[in-house]
Amino acid sequence: MARLQPGLPRTEVEGLLGTAAARIHPANVRDNKVTYLATYEITSPLTAGDSRTVVTVEYDAAKPGHTLLSVQVVLSAS
């Protein structure tokens, strides 16, 4: 998770998180920026027992490579 830094292109983010579990949300226009969210369910060392790690990232849809803007990580019970 520490390698997920703003400015990374989507291909690099998906290289870290995988693509199979991605759920892409519709684009948004906010503050004159076109962005979209993608949610990834991942298995990681943080995941234990009946818990799962859900990572939601925000991409800049207008920049080449759809660069990463923000990351939210939630560990929750299944």
Protein backbone atom coordinates (compact mmCIF):
# COMPACT_ATOMS: atom_id res chain seq x y z
CA MET A 1 0.00 0.00 0.00
CA ALA A 2 2.86 2.38 0.69
CA ARG A 3 3.78 2.32 -3.01
CA LEU A 4 0.39 3.80 -3.97
CA GLN A 5 1.30 7.46 -4.37
CA PRO A 6 -0.56 10.29 -6.11
CA GLY A 7 0.65 10.75 -9.67
CA LEU A 8 1.03 7.05 -10.52
CA PRO A 9 -0.66 6.08 -13.80
CA ARG A 10 -3.55 3.62 -13.62
CA THR A 11 -1.48 0.85 -15.23
CA GLU A 12 1.04 1.01 -12.37
CA VAL A 13 -1.72 1.04 -9.75
CA GLU A 14 -3.29 -2.02 -11.35
CA GLY A 15 0.12 -3.66 -11.46
CA LEU A 16 0.15 -3.38 -7.67
CA LEU A 17 -3.53 -4.19 -6.98
CA GLY A 18 -4.50 -6.35 -9.95
CA THR A 19 -7.25 -5.74 -12.48
CA ALA A 20 -9.59 -8.69 -12.04
CA ALA A 21 -11.33 -7.35 -8.93
CA ALA A 22 -11.64 -3.74 -10.13
CA ARG A 23 -15.07 -2.14 -10.06
CA ILE A 24 -15.05 1.10 -12.05
CA HIS A 25 -17.54 3.80 -11.07
CA PRO A 26 -19.01 6.45 -13.42
CA ALA A 27 -17.03 9.62 -14.07
CA ASN A 28 -17.65 12.74 -11.98
CA VAL A 29 -17.06 16.41 -12.67
CA ARG A 30 -15.96 18.27 -9.54
CA ASP A 31 -14.06 21.55 -9.33
CA ASN A 32 -13.66 21.49 -13.14
CA LYS A 33 -11.93 18.08 -12.92
CA VAL A 34 -13.17 14.87 -14.47
CA THR A 35 -12.43 12.00 -12.09
CA TYR A 36 -13.62 8.47 -11.43
CA LEU A 37 -13.32 5.93 -8.66
CA ALA A 38 -12.22 2.32 -8.88
CA THR A 39 -12.68 -0.18 -6.06
CA TYR A 40 -10.43 -3.21 -5.62
CA GLU A 41 -10.94 -6.09 -3.17
CA ILE A 42 -7.54 -7.50 -2.39
CA THR A 43 -5.87 -10.23 -0.42
CA SER A 44 -2.92 -8.92 1.51
CA PRO A 45 -1.01 -9.40 4.74
CA LEU A 46 -3.58 -7.03 6.28
CA THR A 47 -6.34 -9.54 5.58
CA ALA A 48 -6.96 -12.05 8.34
CA GLY A 49 -9.75 -14.56 8.98
CA ASP A 50 -13.12 -13.26 7.81
CA SER A 51 -11.81 -9.80 6.95
CA ARG A 52 -11.15 -8.24 3.57
CA THR A 53 -9.21 -5.25 2.36
CA VAL A 54 -11.04 -2.86 0.06
CA VAL A 55 -9.02 -0.18 -1.70
CA THR A 56 -10.83 2.72 -3.38
CA VAL A 57 -8.76 4.96 -5.60
CA GLU A 58 -9.62 8.15 -7.45
CA TYR A 59 -8.17 8.73 -10.91
CA ASP A 60 -7.88 11.90 -12.98
CA ALA A 61 -9.76 10.98 -16.17
CA ALA A 62 -8.45 13.99 -18.10
CA LYS A 63 -4.72 13.30 -17.71
CA PRO A 64 -2.89 10.84 -19.95
CA GLY A 65 -2.54 7.53 -18.13
CA HIS A 66 -5.36 8.46 -15.73
CA THR A 67 -3.13 9.42 -12.82
CA LEU A 68 -3.89 8.51 -9.22
CA LEU A 69 -5.29 11.32 -7.09
CA SER A 70 -6.20 9.63 -3.81
CA VAL A 71 -6.35 6.28 -2.01
CA GLN A 72 -8.67 4.99 0.71
CA VAL A 73 -8.04 1.61 2.38
CA VAL A 74 -10.72 -0.09 4.48
CA LEU A 75 -10.29 -3.36 6.36
CA SER A 76 -13.71 -4.79 7.17
CA ALA A 77 -15.43 -8.00 8.21
CA SER A 78 -16.99 -10.02 5.39
